[in-house]
Amino acid sequence: MFKKEISTAPKSKLKQSVQRGLRTSLLATYPLLNPYIDEILPKKVSLEAMKLPDRCTLYVLDAQPLFFQYDAASTLLPHLRLVHRFPAAFPSIRIDRGAIRFVLSGATLMAPGLTSAGGRLPTGATAGPEGQGLDDDERWTRELEKGEPVVVRAEGKIEACAVGFLVMGTKEVKEKGKGPVIEEAHYLGDGLWKLTTD
């Protein structure tokens, strides 16, 4: 989605009621953000919205990009800079080394990059948000459903490399072992990553 450079757009301040709604939406989508929410989005701050191409909105606080959404009704996705600050707060999958260059060029993430030896899909050990997180083998403990937001980590790397929505649930990825898993993700080095928000 953000393969091309994005020109800086004017920002507009959001009303406190809109900020409260965003805060509630974030906690509903990402329950593990709860301990960090006051640091990420304090109650008495002035959050700004920046309109991007294709009806996308980027939410910025003190020139730091936080979240973006494709349209007003869609789920908020974390900007990679926020994911790098709070990596354990977002559901994740891990790709093998061979898939890294494809993801960083904006290609669709395919199942073989996750089902190989270096890839990590969730274990399915927990059913709900309670107890979810990474286990000792770097696997997310809860199966992720189609349409859920997910962070893509890479084998041998510390920082996440992409974020997007699943077009196939992780259980289905394990069963099929082929097909697209994430399309049109925000990835390191794309237009959104390079966008100046000052």
Protein backbone atom coordinates (compact mmCIF):
# COMPACT_ATOMS: atom_id res chain seq x y z
CA MET A 1 0.00 0.00 0.00
CA PHE A 2 2.80 2.43 0.87
CA LYS A 3 5.35 1.38 -1.76
CA LYS A 4 5.63 4.93 -3.13
CA GLU A 5 6.87 8.02 -1.34
CA ILE A 6 4.15 9.88 0.56
CA SER A 7 4.18 13.65 0.63
CA THR A 8 3.72 15.37 3.97
CA ALA A 9 0.14 16.42 4.59
CA PRO A 10 -1.26 18.98 7.02
CA LYS A 11 -2.23 17.71 10.45
CA SER A 12 -5.44 18.48 12.31
CA LYS A 13 -5.96 18.27 16.06
CA LEU A 14 -8.51 15.75 17.30
CA LYS A 15 -11.22 16.47 19.84
CA GLN A 16 -10.87 14.84 23.27
CA SER A 17 -13.97 12.71 22.59
CA VAL A 18 -12.38 11.32 19.41
CA GLN A 19 -9.16 10.61 21.31
CA ARG A 20 -11.10 8.74 24.00
CA GLY A 21 -12.80 6.67 21.28
CA LEU A 22 -9.44 5.83 19.70
CA ARG A 23 -8.03 4.86 23.08
CA THR A 24 -10.97 2.53 23.74
CA SER A 25 -10.68 1.02 20.27
CA LEU A 26 -6.95 0.41 20.74
CA LEU A 27 -7.44 -1.39 24.05
CA ALA A 28 -10.23 -3.53 22.58
CA THR A 29 -8.06 -4.55 19.60
CA TYR A 30 -4.75 -4.86 21.49
CA PRO A 31 -5.46 -5.86 25.12
CA LEU A 32 -1.75 -6.21 25.87
CA LEU A 33 -1.35 -2.44 25.36
CA ASN A 34 -3.16 -1.81 28.66
CA PRO A 35 0.01 -1.35 30.79
CA TYR A 36 1.47 1.07 28.22
CA ILE A 37 -1.59 3.02 27.06
CA ASP A 38 -0.93 6.05 29.31
CA GLU A 39 2.60 6.29 27.93
CA ILE A 40 1.47 5.87 24.31
CA LEU A 41 -1.65 8.01 24.43
CA PRO A 42 -1.85 10.11 27.61
CA LYS A 43 -5.30 11.49 28.43
CA LYS A 44 -4.44 15.21 28.38
CA VAL A 45 -2.48 15.45 25.12
CA SER A 46 -3.27 16.77 21.70
CA LEU A 47 -3.35 13.90 19.21
CA GLU A 48 -3.22 14.90 15.55
CA ALA A 49 -4.52 13.22 12.41
CA MET A 50 -2.72 13.35 9.07
CA LYS A 51 -4.67 12.47 5.92
CA LEU A 52 -2.72 10.19 3.56
CA PRO A 53 -3.58 8.91 0.07
CA ASP A 54 -6.31 6.27 -0.41
CA ARG A 55 -8.43 7.53 2.53
CA CYS A 56 -5.77 6.48 5.03
CA THR A 57 -5.30 8.41 8.28
CA LEU A 58 -2.12 8.49 10.35
CA TYR A 59 -2.39 9.45 14.04
CA VAL A 60 0.57 11.42 15.35
CA LEU A 61 1.54 12.57 18.85
CA ASP A 62 4.42 15.06 19.23
CA ALA A 63 5.64 14.23 15.69
CA GLN A 64 5.73 10.50 16.56
CA PRO A 65 3.55 8.28 14.35
CA LEU A 66 1.42 5.94 16.46
CA PHE A 67 -1.33 4.24 14.50
CA PHE A 68 -2.96 4.39 11.10
CA GLN A 69 -6.19 3.16 9.57
CA TYR A 70 -7.34 2.71 5.99
CA ASP A 71 -10.76 4.30 6.54
CA ALA A 72 -12.84 5.43 9.50
CA ALA A 73 -14.48 2.03 9.96
CA SER A 74 -11.34 -0.13 9.80
CA THR A 75 -9.16 -1.45 12.61
CA LEU A 76 -6.23 0.67 13.76
CA LEU A 77 -2.81 -0.70 12.82
CA PRO A 78 0.31 0.25 14.77
CA HIS A 79 3.07 2.12 12.97
CA LEU A 80 6.31 0.12 13.03
CA ARG A 81 8.01 2.79 15.14
CA LEU A 82 5.45 2.10 17.89
CA VAL A 83 5.83 -1.66 17.47
CA HIS A 84 9.58 -1.27 17.98
CA ARG A 85 8.93 0.53 21.28
CA PHE A 86 6.38 -2.03 22.58
CA PRO A 87 7.02 -5.31 20.70
CA ALA A 88 5.30 -7.61 23.20
CA ALA A 89 1.99 -5.72 22.99
CA PHE A 90 1.04 -6.87 19.48
CA PRO A 91 0.21 -10.33 18.07
CA SER A 92 3.04 -11.55 15.87
CA ILE A 93 4.25 -14.19 13.46
CA ARG A 94 7.83 -14.80 12.30
CA ILE A 95 9.12 -15.28 8.77
CA ASP A 96 12.24 -17.22 7.80
CA ARG A 97 15.38 -15.51 6.49
CA GLY A 98 14.49 -16.24 2.87
CA ALA A 99 11.25 -14.26 3.04
CA ILE A 100 12.78 -11.07 4.48
CA ARG A 101 13.83 -9.52 1.16
CA PHE A 102 10.41 -10.16 -0.35
CA VAL A 103 8.55 -8.58 2.57
CA LEU A 104 10.88 -5.57 2.52
CA SER A 105 10.18 -5.05 -1.18
CA GLY A 106 6.42 -4.89 -0.57
CA ALA A 107 5.54 -8.36 -1.86
CA THR A 108 2.61 -10.31 -0.46
CA LEU A 109 3.69 -12.52 2.45
CA MET A 110 3.17 -16.14 1.43
CA ALA A 111 2.66 -19.15 3.71
CA PRO A 112 5.95 -20.99 2.94
CA GLY A 113 7.89 -18.16 4.62
CA LEU A 114 6.04 -19.00 7.85
CA THR A 115 5.79 -22.79 7.70
CA SER A 116 9.51 -23.45 7.05
CA ALA A 117 12.00 -24.19 9.85
CA GLY A 118 12.80 -20.51 10.50
CA GLY A 119 9.17 -19.39 10.50
CA ARG A 120 6.99 -19.23 13.61
CA LEU A 121 3.22 -19.50 13.67
CA PRO A 122 1.14 -19.38 16.89
CA THR A 123 0.96 -22.50 19.03
CA GLY A 124 -2.75 -22.16 19.77
CA ALA A 125 -2.02 -22.81 23.46
CA THR A 126 -4.48 -20.17 24.68
CA ALA A 127 -7.95 -19.36 23.39
CA GLY A 128 -8.54 -15.80 24.57
CA PRO A 129 -6.57 -12.64 25.26
CA GLU A 130 -5.63 -13.86 28.75
CA GLY A 131 -2.20 -15.46 28.80
CA GLN A 132 -1.34 -14.53 25.23
CA GLY A 133 2.18 -13.46 24.28
CA LEU A 134 5.40 -15.02 23.02
CA ASP A 135 6.49 -18.38 24.40
CA ASP A 136 10.10 -19.55 24.85
CA ASP A 137 10.23 -20.68 21.21
CA GLU A 138 9.18 -17.18 20.00
CA ARG A 139 5.70 -18.35 19.01
CA TRP A 140 2.57 -16.32 19.73
CA THR A 141 0.42 -18.41 22.04
CA ARG A 142 -3.03 -17.69 20.54
CA GLU A 143 -4.18 -18.66 17.04
CA LEU A 144 -4.93 -15.56 14.94
CA GLU A 145 -8.03 -15.26 12.79
CA LYS A 146 -8.48 -13.99 9.25
CA GLY A 147 -8.75 -10.17 9.26
CA GLU A 148 -6.82 -9.71 12.53
CA PRO A 149 -3.92 -7.26 12.64
CA VAL A 150 -0.52 -8.89 13.01
CA VAL A 151 3.13 -7.86 13.31
CA VAL A 152 5.70 -9.67 11.18
CA ARG A 153 9.03 -10.41 12.82
CA ALA A 154 11.99 -11.93 10.99
CA GLU A 155 14.27 -14.85 11.84
CA GLY A 156 17.54 -13.61 13.35
CA LYS A 157 16.32 -10.00 13.69
CA ILE A 158 15.24 -8.10 16.80
CA GLU A 159 12.95 -5.46 15.29
CA ALA A 160 9.66 -6.20 13.52
CA CYS A 161 9.76 -5.70 9.74
CA ALA A 162 6.08 -5.35 8.76
CA VAL A 163 2.52 -5.02 10.02
CA GLY A 164 -0.76 -5.80 8.27
CA PHE A 165 -3.99 -7.80 8.29
CA LEU A 166 -4.16 -11.57 7.90
CA VAL A 167 -5.97 -12.72 4.76
CA MET A 168 -5.87 -16.28 6.11
CA GLY A 169 -6.06 -17.45 9.74
CA THR A 170 -2.91 -18.99 11.23
CA LYS A 171 -4.58 -22.37 11.76
CA GLU A 172 -5.47 -22.44 8.04
CA VAL A 173 -1.89 -21.46 7.12
CA LYS A 174 -0.63 -24.51 9.05
CA GLU A 175 -3.14 -26.80 7.32
CA LYS A 176 -2.69 -25.52 3.75
CA GLY A 177 0.95 -24.45 3.83
CA LYS A 178 0.49 -22.26 0.75
CA GLY A 179 -1.21 -19.09 -0.40
CA PRO A 180 -1.09 -15.43 0.63
CA VAL A 181 -1.07 -14.62 4.35
CA ILE A 182 -0.70 -10.81 4.48
CA GLU A 183 -1.25 -8.40 1.62
CA GLU A 184 -0.54 -4.66 1.42
CA ALA A 185 1.40 -4.41 4.65
CA HIS A 186 3.31 -1.44 6.07
CA TYR A 187 6.97 -2.48 6.07
CA LEU A 188 10.40 -1.06 6.94
CA GLY A 189 11.57 1.42 4.32
CA ASP A 190 8.19 2.01 2.67
CA GLY A 191 6.58 5.42 2.13
CA LEU A 192 4.89 5.42 5.55
CA TRP A 193 8.18 4.57 7.29
CA LYS A 194 9.99 7.43 5.49
CA LEU A 195 7.17 9.97 5.97
CA THR A 196 8.19 13.10 7.87
CA THR A 197 5.62 13.98 10.53
CA ASP A 198 7.18 17.18 11.92
